[in-house]
C-alpha atoms as a PDB file:
ATOM      1  CA  MET A   1      -2.469 -91.571 -83.295  1.00  0.00           C
ATOM      2  CA  LYS A   2      -4.761 -89.805 -80.806  1.00  0.00           C
ATOM      3  CA  LYS A   3      -5.032 -86.791 -83.098  1.00  0.00           C
ATOM      4  CA  PHE A   4      -5.947 -89.014 -86.051  1.00  0.00           C
ATOM      5  CA  LEU A   5      -8.636 -90.834 -84.026  1.00  0.00           C
ATOM      6  CA  PHE A   6     -10.067 -87.532 -82.744  1.00  0.00           C
ATOM      7  CA  ALA A   7     -10.120 -86.064 -86.266  1.00  0.00           C
ATOM      8  CA  PHE A   8     -11.811 -89.189 -87.649  1.00  0.00           C
ATOM      9  CA  LEU A   9     -14.548 -89.140 -84.988  1.00  0.00           C
ATOM     10  CA  PHE A  10     -15.050 -85.394 -85.280  1.00  0.00           C
ATOM     11  CA  ILE A  11     -15.375 -85.474 -89.074  1.00  0.00           C
ATOM     12  CA  SER A  12     -17.463 -88.665 -89.306  1.00  0.00           C
ATOM     13  CA  PHE A  13     -20.100 -87.604 -86.764  1.00  0.00           C
ATOM     14  CA  PRO A  14     -21.833 -85.015 -89.002  1.00  0.00           C
ATOM     15  CA  ILE A  15     -21.858 -87.465 -91.881  1.00  0.00           C
ATOM     16  CA  PHE A  16     -23.943 -90.006 -89.950  1.00  0.00           C
ATOM     17  CA  ALA A  17     -26.223 -87.543 -88.151  1.00  0.00           C
ATOM     18  CA  GLU A  18     -29.448 -86.712 -89.940  1.00  0.00           C
ATOM     19  CA  ILE A  19     -31.970 -84.159 -88.743  1.00  0.00           C
ATOM     20  CA  ILE A  20     -35.540 -85.076 -89.516  1.00  0.00           C
ATOM     21  CA  SER A  21     -37.623 -82.157 -90.698  1.00  0.00           C
ATOM     22  CA  VAL A  22     -41.414 -82.299 -91.059  1.00  0.00           C
ATOM     23  CA  ASP A  23     -44.058 -79.819 -92.080  1.00  0.00           C
ATOM     24  CA  LEU A  24     -47.350 -80.040 -90.215  1.00  0.00           C
ATOM     25  CA  ILE A  25     -50.705 -78.706 -91.374  1.00  0.00           C
ATOM     26  CA  CYS A  26     -53.024 -78.364 -88.401  1.00  0.00           C
ATOM     27  CA  ASP A  27     -56.786 -77.777 -88.679  1.00  0.00           C
ATOM     28  CA  GLY A  28     -58.494 -76.481 -85.581  1.00  0.00           C
ATOM     29  CA  GLU A  29     -60.110 -73.754 -83.560  1.00  0.00           C
ATOM     30  CA  GLN A  30     -58.390 -70.490 -82.672  1.00  0.00           C
ATOM     31  CA  VAL A  31     -59.565 -68.448 -79.680  1.00  0.00           C
ATOM     32  CA  THR A  32     -58.315 -64.844 -79.304  1.00  0.00           C
ATOM     33  CA  ASN A  33     -59.210 -61.444 -77.870  1.00  0.00           C
ATOM     34  CA  CYS A  34     -61.009 -62.588 -74.722  1.00  0.00           C
ATOM     35  CA  ASP A  35     -62.474 -59.730 -72.707  1.00  0.00           C
ATOM     36  CA  GLN A  36     -63.233 -59.513 -68.973  1.00  0.00           C
ATOM     37  CA  ASP A  37     -66.509 -61.432 -69.417  1.00  0.00           C
ATOM     38  CA  ASN A  38     -64.689 -64.309 -71.213  1.00  0.00           C
ATOM     39  CA  ILE A  39     -66.318 -63.418 -74.525  1.00  0.00           C
ATOM     40  CA  CYS A  40     -63.764 -64.383 -77.174  1.00  0.00           C
ATOM     41  CA  ASP A  41     -63.301 -64.358 -80.927  1.00  0.00           C
ATOM     42  CA  THR A  42     -63.394 -67.957 -82.148  1.00  0.00           C
ATOM     43  CA  GLN A  43     -62.707 -69.133 -85.683  1.00  0.00           C
ATOM     44  CA  MET A  44     -61.619 -72.235 -87.558  1.00  0.00           C
ATOM     45  CA  VAL A  45     -58.084 -71.840 -88.959  1.00  0.00           C
ATOM     46  CA  VAL A  46     -55.229 -73.813 -90.485  1.00  0.00           C
ATOM     47  CA  GLU A  47     -51.828 -73.532 -88.767  1.00  0.00           C
ATOM     48  CA  ARG A  48     -48.633 -74.387 -90.656  1.00  0.00           C
ATOM     49  CA  ILE A  49     -45.843 -75.604 -88.392  1.00  0.00           C
ATOM     50  CA  LYS A  50     -42.373 -76.919 -89.120  1.00  0.00           C
ATOM     51  CA  ILE A  51     -40.460 -79.248 -86.809  1.00  0.00           C
ATOM     52  CA  ASP A  52     -36.692 -79.342 -87.480  1.00  0.00           C
ATOM     53  CA  GLY A  53     -35.107 -81.974 -85.258  1.00  0.00           C
ATOM     54  CA  ASN A  54     -36.373 -80.859 -81.859  1.00  0.00           C
ATOM     55  CA  THR A  55     -37.049 -77.230 -82.862  1.00  0.00           C
ATOM     56  CA  PHE A  56     -40.570 -75.820 -83.226  1.00  0.00           C
ATOM     57  CA  VAL A  57     -40.615 -73.284 -86.084  1.00  0.00           C
ATOM     58  CA  HIS A  58     -43.608 -70.971 -86.574  1.00  0.00           C
ATOM     59  CA  LYS A  59     -43.687 -67.672 -88.468  1.00  0.00           C
ATOM     60  CA  VAL A  60     -45.801 -65.919 -85.813  1.00  0.00           C
ATOM     61  CA  HIS A  61     -44.804 -67.651 -82.550  1.00  0.00           C
ATOM     62  CA  GLY A  62     -41.099 -67.996 -83.372  1.00  0.00           C
ATOM     63  CA  ASN A  63     -38.597 -70.795 -82.793  1.00  0.00           C
ATOM     64  CA  TYR A  64     -38.445 -72.894 -79.617  1.00  0.00           C
ATOM     65  CA  PHE A  65     -36.620 -76.035 -78.521  1.00  0.00           C
ATOM     66  CA  MET A  66     -39.018 -78.857 -77.710  1.00  0.00           C
ATOM     67  CA  GLU A  67     -38.899 -81.689 -75.205  1.00  0.00           C
ATOM     68  CA  VAL A  68     -39.484 -84.817 -77.299  1.00  0.00           C
ATOM     69  CA  ASP A  69     -40.336 -88.311 -76.057  1.00  0.00           C
ATOM     70  CA  ALA A  70     -42.156 -91.347 -77.473  1.00  0.00           C
ATOM     71  CA  GLU A  71     -45.615 -89.902 -76.730  1.00  0.00           C
ATOM     72  CA  SER A  72     -45.356 -86.159 -77.367  1.00  0.00           C
ATOM     73  CA  ALA A  73     -43.352 -83.113 -78.335  1.00  0.00           C
ATOM     74  CA  LYS A  74     -43.867 -80.151 -76.010  1.00  0.00           C
ATOM     75  CA  ILE A  75     -42.774 -76.690 -74.919  1.00  0.00           C
ATOM     76  CA  ASN A  76     -43.770 -75.112 -71.623  1.00  0.00           C
ATOM     77  CA  GLU A  77     -42.655 -71.605 -70.644  1.00  0.00           C
ATOM     78  CA  LEU A  78     -44.091 -70.076 -67.504  1.00  0.00           C
ATOM     79  CA  ASP A  79     -44.449 -66.455 -66.413  1.00  0.00           C
ATOM     80  CA  ASP A  80     -42.808 -65.259 -63.203  1.00  0.00           C
ATOM     81  CA  ASP A  81     -46.116 -65.822 -61.363  1.00  0.00           C
ATOM     82  CA  GLY A  82     -46.380 -69.449 -62.573  1.00  0.00           C
ATOM     83  CA  ASN A  83     -49.029 -68.910 -65.267  1.00  0.00           C
ATOM     84  CA  ILE A  84     -48.502 -70.278 -68.763  1.00  0.00           C
ATOM     85  CA  GLY A  85     -46.569 -67.864 -70.947  1.00  0.00           C
ATOM     86  CA  PHE A  86     -46.252 -70.086 -74.006  1.00  0.00           C
ATOM     87  CA  SER A  87     -47.082 -73.763 -74.324  1.00  0.00           C
ATOM     88  CA  VAL A  88     -47.227 -76.238 -77.212  1.00  0.00           C
ATOM     89  CA  ASN A  89     -48.158 -79.896 -76.837  1.00  0.00           C
ATOM     90  CA  ILE A  90     -48.262 -82.195 -79.894  1.00  0.00           C
ATOM     91  CA  SER A  91     -49.248 -85.842 -79.554  1.00  0.00           C
ATOM     92  CA  ARG A  92     -46.964 -88.056 -81.637  1.00  0.00           C
ATOM     93  CA  LYS A  93     -49.611 -90.810 -81.648  1.00  0.00           C
ATOM     94  CA  ASN A  94     -52.712 -89.065 -83.012  1.00  0.00           C
ATOM     95  CA  GLY A  95     -51.555 -85.557 -84.056  1.00  0.00           C
ATOM     96  CA  ASP A  96     -53.580 -83.593 -81.489  1.00  0.00           C
ATOM     97  CA  ILE A  97     -52.089 -80.151 -80.859  1.00  0.00           C
ATOM     98  CA  LYS A  98     -52.710 -77.432 -78.297  1.00  0.00           C
ATOM     99  CA  ILE A  99     -50.971 -74.031 -78.401  1.00  0.00           C
ATOM    100  CA  ILE A 100     -51.464 -71.546 -75.572  1.00  0.00           C
ATOM    101  CA  LYS A 101     -49.950 -68.067 -75.563  1.00  0.00           C
ATOM    102  CA  GLY A 102     -50.687 -66.126 -72.406  1.00  0.00           C
ATOM    103  CA  TRP A 103     -48.513 -63.022 -72.549  1.00  0.00           C
ATOM    104  CA  GLN A 104     -50.548 -59.799 -72.930  1.00  0.00           C
ATOM    105  CA  ASN A 105     -52.407 -61.084 -76.011  1.00  0.00           C
ATOM    106  CA  PRO A 106     -54.015 -64.396 -75.000  1.00  0.00           C
ATOM    107  CA  TYR A 107     -54.260 -66.952 -77.781  1.00  0.00           C
ATOM    108  CA  THR A 108     -55.318 -70.611 -77.838  1.00  0.00           C
ATOM    109  CA  PHE A 109     -55.303 -73.088 -80.710  1.00  0.00           C
ATOM    110  CA  SER A 110     -56.621 -76.661 -80.488  1.00  0.00           C
ATOM    111  CA  GLY A 111     -56.672 -79.027 -83.417  1.00  0.00           C
ATOM    112  CA  VAL A 112     -55.265 -82.032 -85.248  1.00  0.00           C
ATOM    113  CA  CYS A 113     -52.118 -82.076 -87.377  1.00  0.00           C
ATOM    114  CA  GLN A 114     -51.251 -84.015 -90.509  1.00  0.00           C
ATOM    115  CA  LEU A 115     -47.970 -84.259 -92.372  1.00  0.00           C
ATOM    116  CA  GLY A 116     -47.698 -81.515 -94.957  1.00  0.00           C
ATOM    117  CA  ARG A 117     -45.525 -83.530 -97.349  1.00  0.00           C
ATOM    118  CA  PRO A 118     -45.853 -87.193 -96.336  1.00  0.00           C
ATOM    119  CA  SER A 119     -43.992 -88.543 -99.378  1.00  0.00           C
ATOM    120  CA  ILE A 120     -40.800 -86.688 -98.392  1.00  0.00           C
ATOM    121  CA  VAL A 121     -40.927 -87.995 -94.811  1.00  0.00           C
ATOM    122  CA  GLU A 122     -41.419 -91.590 -96.020  1.00  0.00           C
ATOM    123  CA  HIS A 123     -38.290 -91.334 -98.186  1.00  0.00           C
ATOM    124  CA  GLN A 124     -36.151 -90.066 -95.274  1.00  0.00           C
ATOM    125  CA  PHE A 125     -36.337 -93.527 -93.729  1.00  0.00           C
ATOM    126  CA  ASP A 126     -35.600 -95.565 -96.901  1.00  0.00           C
END
């Protein structure tokens, strides 16, 4: 009986679990290549980001697990000296995003995200 109950719970769990996946299109300002005098290259860009469950997926920055709560989804990796190595903070309320990459090639992106395919996300909750 215990084996049957264990098998039932083990098999039924994946059936009821659903991972929400969203594509984000983020418009904003990218700052790169800062020199010693803090003169940087700044340009307006569009970032495409995918969130699979609690995983941040980006073709340049890679894949990272995010801390998700009711207000935000975030990643914060620090260097050995305590400086920011890689950080992402996305507001779940208004879509504001900030990406900071500090290792050897400093990069900053600030902007606002929108759902890339809102009709698909709406149908996930029907």
